[in-house]
Amino acid sequence: MKRLFCLVLLICCNLTLSSTSFANEASKQEQLLQNLIEAQLSNTNSMKRSVSSLIKHYPHHEAFILNYTFKNYPEQYKQIIHGALSANPHSSDDVVSTALAYEVAACDEVIATAIDAEPGYAGDIVKTATQLRPNQLDQIIRVAITTKPIMADTIINSAAKENPDAFELIMTMAFEELPDRFMSLLSNAFSNFPENSEEVVEIAVSSSENVDARLVVDKAVEAGLSQEAAVKAALAGGAKQDTLVKNN
């Protein structure tokens, strides 16, 4: 029994020493990375170039680089975001979530910066932001679609699929904020959310007095909605019966 006790004690001691050794090694590695980051900043005098270079050369330490720079240089968050996304666009969710975690700026400013830096990942950026800040959904959508209107369809699809209960809010905002892209938004909504076609017609017609309700109805029918259902939805959105009949 005594020998067994000694063996257990020896194993526990070894585990403790191993754990301590691992912690010390991790601490040393972090210190080396900190020194490397500071040296890189001193040499380039550019946060964007420094972050981009560090992430490209040390991709496995991207999380540490983001945490360190956002924590110690929050006022340079735009350069950090641009540098990180230029080095690794696929990490857009990590970049946005880390920036929001450190509260380096308002959510809409972080989103605008990230989308401007990497518009191709606008959908992922919006998805991450709405998951982390669901109470700021309207602000996130507005700043996202106005920052890069050309990516509006992707942004709307991502936001609506992530927040189906907010479909009306999202589509209303899209039609109101981007009147020049009305037809593109309409076609996209019919294609990607056919189950919401009647709602899309109603929202589209009610979004502006200048909307051609007859055109909206025609597009809905082309997309597969029945004439009767499309007209009914248009009327619910505020269209005039005589206008619909006259142009029929």
C-alpha atoms as a PDB file:
ATOM      1  CA  MET A   1       0.000   0.000   0.000  1.00  0.00           C
ATOM      2  CA  LYS A   2       2.866   2.322   0.902  1.00  0.00           C
ATOM      3  CA  ARG A   3       4.557   1.608  -2.441  1.00  0.00           C
ATOM      4  CA  LEU A   4       1.294   2.345  -4.278  1.00  0.00           C
ATOM      5  CA  PHE A   5       0.905   5.638  -2.427  1.00  0.00           C
ATOM      6  CA  CYS A   6       4.446   6.656  -3.350  1.00  0.00           C
ATOM      7  CA  LEU A   7       3.838   5.783  -6.996  1.00  0.00           C
ATOM      8  CA  VAL A   8       0.662   7.880  -7.119  1.00  0.00           C
ATOM      9  CA  LEU A   9       2.462  10.768  -5.422  1.00  0.00           C
ATOM     10  CA  LEU A  10       5.307  10.550  -7.951  1.00  0.00           C
ATOM     11  CA  ILE A  11       2.891  10.591 -10.886  1.00  0.00           C
ATOM     12  CA  CYS A  12       1.052  13.606  -9.450  1.00  0.00           C
ATOM     13  CA  CYS A  13       4.319  15.472  -8.989  1.00  0.00           C
ATOM     14  CA  ASN A  14       5.350  14.738 -12.562  1.00  0.00           C
ATOM     15  CA  LEU A  15       1.998  15.916 -13.881  1.00  0.00           C
ATOM     16  CA  THR A  16       2.288  19.138 -11.885  1.00  0.00           C
ATOM     17  CA  LEU A  17       5.788  19.747 -13.172  1.00  0.00           C
ATOM     18  CA  SER A  18       4.692  19.007 -16.745  1.00  0.00           C
ATOM     19  CA  SER A  19       1.767  21.392 -16.411  1.00  0.00           C
ATOM     20  CA  THR A  20       3.989  24.107 -14.981  1.00  0.00           C
ATOM     21  CA  SER A  21       6.576  23.534 -17.693  1.00  0.00           C
ATOM     22  CA  PHE A  22       3.904  23.777 -20.391  1.00  0.00           C
ATOM     23  CA  ALA A  23       2.548  27.003 -18.890  1.00  0.00           C
ATOM     24  CA  ASN A  24       6.035  28.488 -18.720  1.00  0.00           C
ATOM     25  CA  GLU A  25       6.717  27.511 -22.320  1.00  0.00           C
ATOM     26  CA  ALA A  26       3.440  29.078 -23.453  1.00  0.00           C
ATOM     27  CA  SER A  27       4.264  32.240 -21.523  1.00  0.00           C
ATOM     28  CA  LYS A  28       7.695  32.444 -23.155  1.00  0.00           C
ATOM     29  CA  GLN A  29       6.165  31.959 -26.587  1.00  0.00           C
ATOM     30  CA  GLU A  30       3.655  34.738 -25.959  1.00  0.00           C
ATOM     31  CA  GLN A  31       6.444  37.060 -24.828  1.00  0.00           C
ATOM     32  CA  LEU A  32       8.406  36.278 -27.982  1.00  0.00           C
ATOM     33  CA  LEU A  33       5.357  37.042 -30.096  1.00  0.00           C
ATOM     34  CA  GLN A  34       4.803  40.325 -28.267  1.00  0.00           C
ATOM     35  CA  ASN A  35       8.417  41.311 -28.888  1.00  0.00           C
ATOM     36  CA  LEU A  36       8.070  40.301 -32.520  1.00  0.00           C
ATOM     37  CA  ILE A  37       4.929  42.389 -32.967  1.00  0.00           C
ATOM     38  CA  GLU A  38       6.523  45.447 -31.380  1.00  0.00           C
ATOM     39  CA  ALA A  39       9.682  45.020 -33.461  1.00  0.00           C
ATOM     40  CA  GLN A  40       7.613  44.716 -36.625  1.00  0.00           C
ATOM     41  CA  LEU A  41       5.705  47.889 -35.749  1.00  0.00           C
ATOM     42  CA  SER A  42       8.935  49.765 -35.122  1.00  0.00           C
ATOM     43  CA  ASN A  43      10.398  48.656 -38.426  1.00  0.00           C
ATOM     44  CA  THR A  44       7.408  49.333 -40.679  1.00  0.00           C
ATOM     45  CA  ASN A  45       5.647  52.100 -38.741  1.00  0.00           C
ATOM     46  CA  SER A  46       2.427  50.744 -40.245  1.00  0.00           C
ATOM     47  CA  MET A  47      -0.080  48.704 -38.288  1.00  0.00           C
ATOM     48  CA  LYS A  48      -1.750  47.412 -41.454  1.00  0.00           C
ATOM     49  CA  ARG A  49       1.487  46.133 -42.994  1.00  0.00           C
ATOM     50  CA  SER A  50       2.701  44.743 -39.672  1.00  0.00           C
ATOM     51  CA  VAL A  51      -0.462  42.766 -38.956  1.00  0.00           C
ATOM     52  CA  SER A  52      -0.654  41.499 -42.528  1.00  0.00           C
ATOM     53  CA  SER A  53       2.982  40.376 -42.538  1.00  0.00           C
ATOM     54  CA  LEU A  54       2.785  38.725 -39.120  1.00  0.00           C
ATOM     55  CA  ILE A  55      -0.359  36.748 -39.950  1.00  0.00           C
ATOM     56  CA  LYS A  56       1.089  35.609 -43.278  1.00  0.00           C
ATOM     57  CA  HIS A  57       4.294  34.409 -41.624  1.00  0.00           C
ATOM     58  CA  TYR A  58       2.711  33.051 -38.429  1.00  0.00           C
ATOM     59  CA  PRO A  59      -0.824  31.922 -39.382  1.00  0.00           C
ATOM     60  CA  HIS A  60      -1.078  29.597 -36.374  1.00  0.00           C
ATOM     61  CA  HIS A  61      -0.699  32.603 -34.083  1.00  0.00           C
ATOM     62  CA  GLU A  62      -3.334  34.741 -35.779  1.00  0.00           C
ATOM     63  CA  ALA A  63      -5.618  34.718 -32.729  1.00  0.00           C
ATOM     64  CA  PHE A  64      -2.824  35.989 -30.479  1.00  0.00           C
ATOM     65  CA  ILE A  65      -1.838  38.686 -32.987  1.00  0.00           C
ATOM     66  CA  LEU A  66      -5.435  39.912 -33.208  1.00  0.00           C
ATOM     67  CA  ASN A  67      -5.954  39.866 -29.454  1.00  0.00           C
ATOM     68  CA  TYR A  68      -2.682  41.660 -28.753  1.00  0.00           C
ATOM     69  CA  THR A  69      -3.116  44.412 -31.331  1.00  0.00           C
ATOM     70  CA  PHE A  70      -6.800  45.099 -30.643  1.00  0.00           C
ATOM     71  CA  LYS A  71      -6.107  45.191 -26.903  1.00  0.00           C
ATOM     72  CA  ASN A  72      -3.031  47.419 -27.047  1.00  0.00           C
ATOM     73  CA  TYR A  73      -3.815  49.546 -30.097  1.00  0.00           C
ATOM     74  CA  PRO A  74      -7.627  49.887 -30.211  1.00  0.00           C
ATOM     75  CA  GLU A  75      -7.427  53.315 -31.848  1.00  0.00           C
ATOM     76  CA  GLN A  76      -5.814  51.657 -34.870  1.00  0.00           C
ATOM     77  CA  TYR A  77      -8.598  49.103 -35.308  1.00  0.00           C
ATOM     78  CA  LYS A  78      -9.189  50.042 -38.951  1.00  0.00           C
ATOM     79  CA  GLN A  79      -5.600  49.284 -39.887  1.00  0.00           C
ATOM     80  CA  ILE A  80      -5.676  46.053 -37.876  1.00  0.00           C
ATOM     81  CA  ILE A  81      -8.834  44.891 -39.652  1.00  0.00           C
ATOM     82  CA  HIS A  82      -7.512  45.811 -43.093  1.00  0.00           C
ATOM     83  CA  GLY A  83      -4.182  44.133 -42.403  1.00  0.00           C
ATOM     84  CA  ALA A  84      -5.725  40.956 -41.012  1.00  0.00           C
ATOM     85  CA  LEU A  85      -8.222  40.539 -43.843  1.00  0.00           C
ATOM     86  CA  SER A  86      -5.666  41.263 -46.545  1.00  0.00           C
ATOM     87  CA  ALA A  87      -3.562  38.431 -45.111  1.00  0.00           C
ATOM     88  CA  ASN A  88      -6.404  35.985 -44.533  1.00  0.00           C
ATOM     89  CA  PRO A  89      -9.877  36.913 -45.857  1.00  0.00           C
ATOM     90  CA  HIS A  90     -11.270  33.584 -44.631  1.00  0.00           C
ATOM     91  CA  SER A  91     -10.846  34.748 -41.030  1.00  0.00           C
ATOM     92  CA  SER A  92     -13.394  37.554 -41.354  1.00  0.00           C
ATOM     93  CA  ASP A  93     -15.570  36.062 -38.602  1.00  0.00           C
ATOM     94  CA  ASP A  94     -12.627  35.877 -36.175  1.00  0.00           C
ATOM     95  CA  VAL A  95     -11.481  39.402 -36.998  1.00  0.00           C
ATOM     96  CA  VAL A  96     -14.956  40.870 -36.490  1.00  0.00           C
ATOM     97  CA  SER A  97     -15.722  38.891 -33.331  1.00  0.00           C
ATOM     98  CA  THR A  98     -12.375  39.845 -31.758  1.00  0.00           C
ATOM     99  CA  ALA A  99     -12.817  43.524 -32.632  1.00  0.00           C
ATOM    100  CA  LEU A 100     -16.301  43.508 -31.113  1.00  0.00           C
ATOM    101  CA  ALA A 101     -15.089  41.630 -28.033  1.00  0.00           C
ATOM    102  CA  TYR A 102     -12.541  44.372 -27.320  1.00  0.00           C
ATOM    103  CA  GLU A 103     -15.111  47.070 -28.161  1.00  0.00           C
ATOM    104  CA  VAL A 104     -12.567  48.966 -30.236  1.00  0.00           C
ATOM    105  CA  ALA A 105     -15.395  50.914 -31.896  1.00  0.00           C
ATOM    106  CA  ALA A 106     -19.151  50.905 -32.372  1.00  0.00           C
ATOM    107  CA  CYS A 107     -20.490  47.771 -34.042  1.00  0.00           C
ATOM    108  CA  ASP A 108     -21.538  49.568 -37.227  1.00  0.00           C
ATOM    109  CA  GLU A 109     -18.065  51.115 -37.594  1.00  0.00           C
ATOM    110  CA  VAL A 110     -16.410  47.712 -37.233  1.00  0.00           C
ATOM    111  CA  ILE A 111     -18.765  46.234 -39.834  1.00  0.00           C
ATOM    112  CA  ALA A 112     -18.233  49.078 -42.295  1.00  0.00           C
ATOM    113  CA  THR A 113     -14.456  48.746 -41.967  1.00  0.00           C
ATOM    114  CA  ALA A 114     -14.491  44.966 -42.400  1.00  0.00           C
ATOM    115  CA  ILE A 115     -16.762  45.050 -45.457  1.00  0.00           C
ATOM    116  CA  ASP A 116     -14.713  47.835 -47.009  1.00  0.00           C
ATOM    117  CA  ALA A 117     -11.579  45.748 -46.426  1.00  0.00           C
ATOM    118  CA  GLU A 118     -13.015  42.500 -47.799  1.00  0.00           C
ATOM    119  CA  PRO A 119     -16.381  42.963 -49.582  1.00  0.00           C
ATOM    120  CA  GLY A 120     -16.297  39.401 -50.864  1.00  0.00           C
ATOM    121  CA  TYR A 121     -16.979  38.193 -47.325  1.00  0.00           C
ATOM    122  CA  ALA A 122     -19.713  40.720 -46.571  1.00  0.00           C
ATOM    123  CA  GLY A 123     -22.247  37.956 -45.968  1.00  0.00           C
ATOM    124  CA  ASP A 124     -20.056  36.221 -43.394  1.00  0.00           C
ATOM    125  CA  ILE A 125     -19.228  39.521 -41.714  1.00  0.00           C
ATOM    126  CA  VAL A 126     -22.906  40.408 -41.353  1.00  0.00           C
ATOM    127  CA  LYS A 127     -23.750  36.903 -40.130  1.00  0.00           C
ATOM    128  CA  THR A 128     -21.120  37.111 -37.388  1.00  0.00           C
ATOM    129  CA  ALA A 129     -22.187  40.605 -36.371  1.00  0.00           C
ATOM    130  CA  THR A 130     -25.888  39.755 -36.135  1.00  0.00           C
ATOM    131  CA  GLN A 131     -25.087  36.686 -34.035  1.00  0.00           C
ATOM    132  CA  LEU A 132     -23.035  38.745 -31.589  1.00  0.00           C
ATOM    133  CA  ARG A 133     -25.185  41.903 -31.631  1.00  0.00           C
ATOM    134  CA  PRO A 134     -28.740  40.773 -32.450  1.00  0.00           C
ATOM    135  CA  ASN A 135     -30.207  43.906 -30.861  1.00  0.00           C
ATOM    136  CA  GLN A 136     -28.353  46.028 -33.443  1.00  0.00           C
ATOM    137  CA  LEU A 137     -29.643  44.163 -36.486  1.00  0.00           C
ATOM    138  CA  ASP A 138     -31.113  47.224 -38.201  1.00  0.00           C
ATOM    139  CA  GLN A 139     -27.887  49.231 -37.800  1.00  0.00           C
ATOM    140  CA  ILE A 140     -25.790  46.325 -39.051  1.00  0.00           C
ATOM    141  CA  ILE A 141     -27.917  45.822 -42.176  1.00  0.00           C
ATOM    142  CA  ARG A 142     -28.080  49.525 -42.965  1.00  0.00           C
ATOM    143  CA  VAL A 143     -24.344  50.137 -42.712  1.00  0.00           C
ATOM    144  CA  ALA A 144     -23.530  46.902 -44.547  1.00  0.00           C
ATOM    145  CA  ILE A 145     -25.664  47.539 -47.622  1.00  0.00           C
ATOM    146  CA  THR A 146     -24.742  51.218 -47.857  1.00  0.00           C
ATOM    147  CA  THR A 147     -21.019  50.524 -47.463  1.00  0.00           C
ATOM    148  CA  LYS A 148     -20.983  48.165 -50.453  1.00  0.00           C
ATOM    149  CA  PRO A 149     -24.324  48.372 -52.321  1.00  0.00           C
ATOM    150  CA  ILE A 150     -23.020  45.983 -54.962  1.00  0.00           C
ATOM    151  CA  MET A 151     -22.928  43.268 -52.286  1.00  0.00           C
ATOM    152  CA  ALA A 152     -26.471  44.004 -51.089  1.00  0.00           C
ATOM    153  CA  ASP A 153     -27.981  40.752 -52.398  1.00  0.00           C
ATOM    154  CA  THR A 154     -25.377  38.659 -50.569  1.00  0.00           C
ATOM    155  CA  ILE A 155     -25.803  40.693 -47.396  1.00  0.00           C
ATOM    156  CA  ILE A 156     -29.602  40.440 -47.489  1.00  0.00           C
ATOM    157  CA  ASN A 157     -29.500  36.684 -48.093  1.00  0.00           C
ATOM    158  CA  SER A 158     -27.130  36.109 -45.194  1.00  0.00           C
ATOM    159  CA  ALA A 159     -29.029  38.345 -42.785  1.00  0.00           C
ATOM    160  CA  ALA A 160     -32.472  37.008 -43.704  1.00  0.00           C
ATOM    161  CA  LYS A 161     -31.435  33.365 -43.413  1.00  0.00           C
ATOM    162  CA  GLU A 162     -29.786  34.042 -40.073  1.00  0.00           C
ATOM    163  CA  ASN A 163     -32.747  36.119 -38.819  1.00  0.00           C
ATOM    164  CA  PRO A 164     -35.903  34.786 -40.522  1.00  0.00           C
ATOM    165  CA  ASP A 165     -38.184  36.541 -38.039  1.00  0.00           C
ATOM    166  CA  ALA A 166     -36.742  39.881 -39.154  1.00  0.00           C
ATOM    167  CA  PHE A 167     -37.369  39.298 -42.870  1.00  0.00           C
ATOM    168  CA  GLU A 168     -39.793  42.218 -43.176  1.00  0.00           C
ATOM    169  CA  LEU A 169     -37.406  44.616 -41.425  1.00  0.00           C
ATOM    170  CA  ILE A 170     -34.470  43.522 -43.578  1.00  0.00           C
ATOM    171  CA  MET A 171     -36.305  43.794 -46.898  1.00  0.00           C
ATOM    172  CA  THR A 172     -37.955  47.095 -46.000  1.00  0.00           C
ATOM    173  CA  MET A 173     -34.592  48.589 -45.137  1.00  0.00           C
ATOM    174  CA  ALA A 174     -33.042  47.261 -48.343  1.00  0.00           C
ATOM    175  CA  PHE A 175     -35.740  48.739 -50.594  1.00  0.00           C
ATOM    176  CA  GLU A 176     -35.697  52.084 -48.777  1.00  0.00           C
ATOM    177  CA  GLU A 177     -31.914  52.460 -48.547  1.00  0.00           C
ATOM    178  CA  LEU A 178     -31.110  51.296 -52.081  1.00  0.00           C
ATOM    179  CA  PRO A 179     -33.847  52.508 -54.449  1.00  0.00           C
ATOM    180  CA  ASP A 180     -31.416  52.342 -57.390  1.00  0.00           C
ATOM    181  CA  ARG A 181     -31.053  48.595 -56.859  1.00  0.00           C
ATOM    182  CA  PHE A 182     -34.777  47.972 -56.446  1.00  0.00           C
ATOM    183  CA  MET A 183     -35.174  45.484 -59.297  1.00  0.00           C
ATOM    184  CA  SER A 184     -32.054  43.546 -58.347  1.00  0.00           C
ATOM    185  CA  LEU A 185     -33.231  43.273 -54.743  1.00  0.00           C
ATOM    186  CA  LEU A 186     -36.692  42.225 -55.903  1.00  0.00           C
ATOM    187  CA  SER A 187     -35.428  39.485 -58.222  1.00  0.00           C
ATOM    188  CA  ASN A 188     -33.007  38.249 -55.576  1.00  0.00           C
ATOM    189  CA  ALA A 189     -35.761  38.024 -52.964  1.00  0.00           C
ATOM    190  CA  PHE A 190     -38.076  36.061 -55.268  1.00  0.00           C
ATOM    191  CA  SER A 191     -35.245  33.674 -56.195  1.00  0.00           C
ATOM    192  CA  ASN A 192     -33.888  33.020 -52.717  1.00  0.00           C
ATOM    193  CA  PHE A 193     -37.038  33.310 -50.612  1.00  0.00           C
ATOM    194  CA  PRO A 194     -39.868  31.927 -52.771  1.00  0.00           C
ATOM    195  CA  GLU A 195     -41.837  31.013 -49.665  1.00  0.00           C
ATOM    196  CA  ASN A 196     -41.963  34.733 -48.826  1.00  0.00           C
ATOM    197  CA  SER A 197     -43.013  35.922 -52.290  1.00  0.00           C
ATOM    198  CA  GLU A 198     -46.320  37.436 -51.187  1.00  0.00           C
ATOM    199  CA  GLU A 199     -44.607  39.257 -48.341  1.00  0.00           C
ATOM    200  CA  VAL A 200     -41.938  40.519 -50.741  1.00  0.00           C
ATOM    201  CA  VAL A 201     -44.609  41.978 -53.040  1.00  0.00           C
ATOM    202  CA  GLU A 202     -46.329  43.736 -50.152  1.00  0.00           C
ATOM    203  CA  ILE A 203     -43.072  45.133 -48.746  1.00  0.00           C
ATOM    204  CA  ALA A 204     -41.843  46.246 -52.173  1.00  0.00           C
ATOM    205  CA  VAL A 205     -45.054  48.090 -53.029  1.00  0.00           C
ATOM    206  CA  SER A 206     -45.251  49.800 -49.638  1.00  0.00           C
ATOM    207  CA  SER A 207     -41.585  50.834 -49.625  1.00  0.00           C
ATOM    208  CA  SER A 208     -42.108  53.894 -51.842  1.00  0.00           C
ATOM    209  CA  GLU A 209     -44.840  55.873 -53.571  1.00  0.00           C
ATOM    210  CA  ASN A 210     -42.780  55.758 -56.752  1.00  0.00           C
ATOM    211  CA  VAL A 211     -42.844  51.972 -57.046  1.00  0.00           C
ATOM    212  CA  ASP A 212     -44.602  50.565 -60.122  1.00  0.00           C
ATOM    213  CA  ALA A 213     -46.917  48.073 -58.431  1.00  0.00           C
ATOM    214  CA  ARG A 214     -47.848  46.494 -61.761  1.00  0.00           C
ATOM    215  CA  LEU A 215     -44.180  45.768 -62.461  1.00  0.00           C
ATOM    216  CA  VAL A 216     -43.767  44.187 -59.026  1.00  0.00           C
ATOM    217  CA  VAL A 217     -46.790  41.973 -59.654  1.00  0.00           C
ATOM    218  CA  ASP A 218     -45.452  40.925 -63.064  1.00  0.00           C
ATOM    219  CA  LYS A 219     -42.068  40.014 -61.578  1.00  0.00           C
ATOM    220  CA  ALA A 220     -43.759  37.996 -58.849  1.00  0.00           C
ATOM    221  CA  VAL A 221     -45.814  36.064 -61.400  1.00  0.00           C
ATOM    222  CA  GLU A 222     -42.693  35.409 -63.487  1.00  0.00           C
ATOM    223  CA  ALA A 223     -41.070  34.018 -60.345  1.00  0.00           C
ATOM    224  CA  GLY A 224     -43.926  31.568 -59.823  1.00  0.00           C
ATOM    225  CA  LEU A 225     -46.504  33.362 -57.679  1.00  0.00           C
ATOM    226  CA  SER A 226     -50.080  33.188 -58.914  1.00  0.00           C
ATOM    227  CA  GLN A 227     -51.594  36.335 -60.446  1.00  0.00           C
ATOM    228  CA  GLU A 228     -54.329  36.379 -57.818  1.00  0.00           C
ATOM    229  CA  ALA A 229     -51.906  36.088 -54.895  1.00  0.00           C
ATOM    230  CA  ALA A 230     -49.573  38.722 -56.360  1.00  0.00           C
ATOM    231  CA  VAL A 231     -52.377  41.243 -56.888  1.00  0.00           C
ATOM    232  CA  LYS A 232     -53.758  40.606 -53.408  1.00  0.00           C
ATOM    233  CA  ALA A 233     -50.321  41.201 -51.876  1.00  0.00           C
ATOM    234  CA  ALA A 234     -49.843  44.380 -53.911  1.00  0.00           C
ATOM    235  CA  LEU A 235     -53.184  45.725 -52.702  1.00  0.00           C
ATOM    236  CA  ALA A 236     -52.174  44.930 -49.121  1.00  0.00           C
ATOM    237  CA  GLY A 237     -49.033  46.974 -49.732  1.00  0.00           C
ATOM    238  CA  GLY A 238     -51.037  50.016 -50.786  1.00  0.00           C
ATOM    239  CA  ALA A 239     -51.414  49.601 -54.556  1.00  0.00           C
ATOM    240  CA  LYS A 240     -54.563  50.982 -56.199  1.00  0.00           C
ATOM    241  CA  GLN A 241     -56.946  48.430 -57.682  1.00  0.00           C
ATOM    242  CA  ASP A 242     -57.681  50.539 -60.760  1.00  0.00           C
ATOM    243  CA  THR A 243     -53.952  50.899 -61.512  1.00  0.00           C
ATOM    244  CA  LEU A 244     -53.446  47.164 -61.416  1.00  0.00           C
ATOM    245  CA  VAL A 245     -56.499  46.476 -63.557  1.00  0.00           C
ATOM    246  CA  LYS A 246     -55.763  49.275 -66.040  1.00  0.00           C
ATOM    247  CA  ASN A 247     -52.270  47.980 -66.735  1.00  0.00           C
ATOM    248  CA  ASN A 248     -53.244  44.319 -66.703  1.00  0.00           C
END
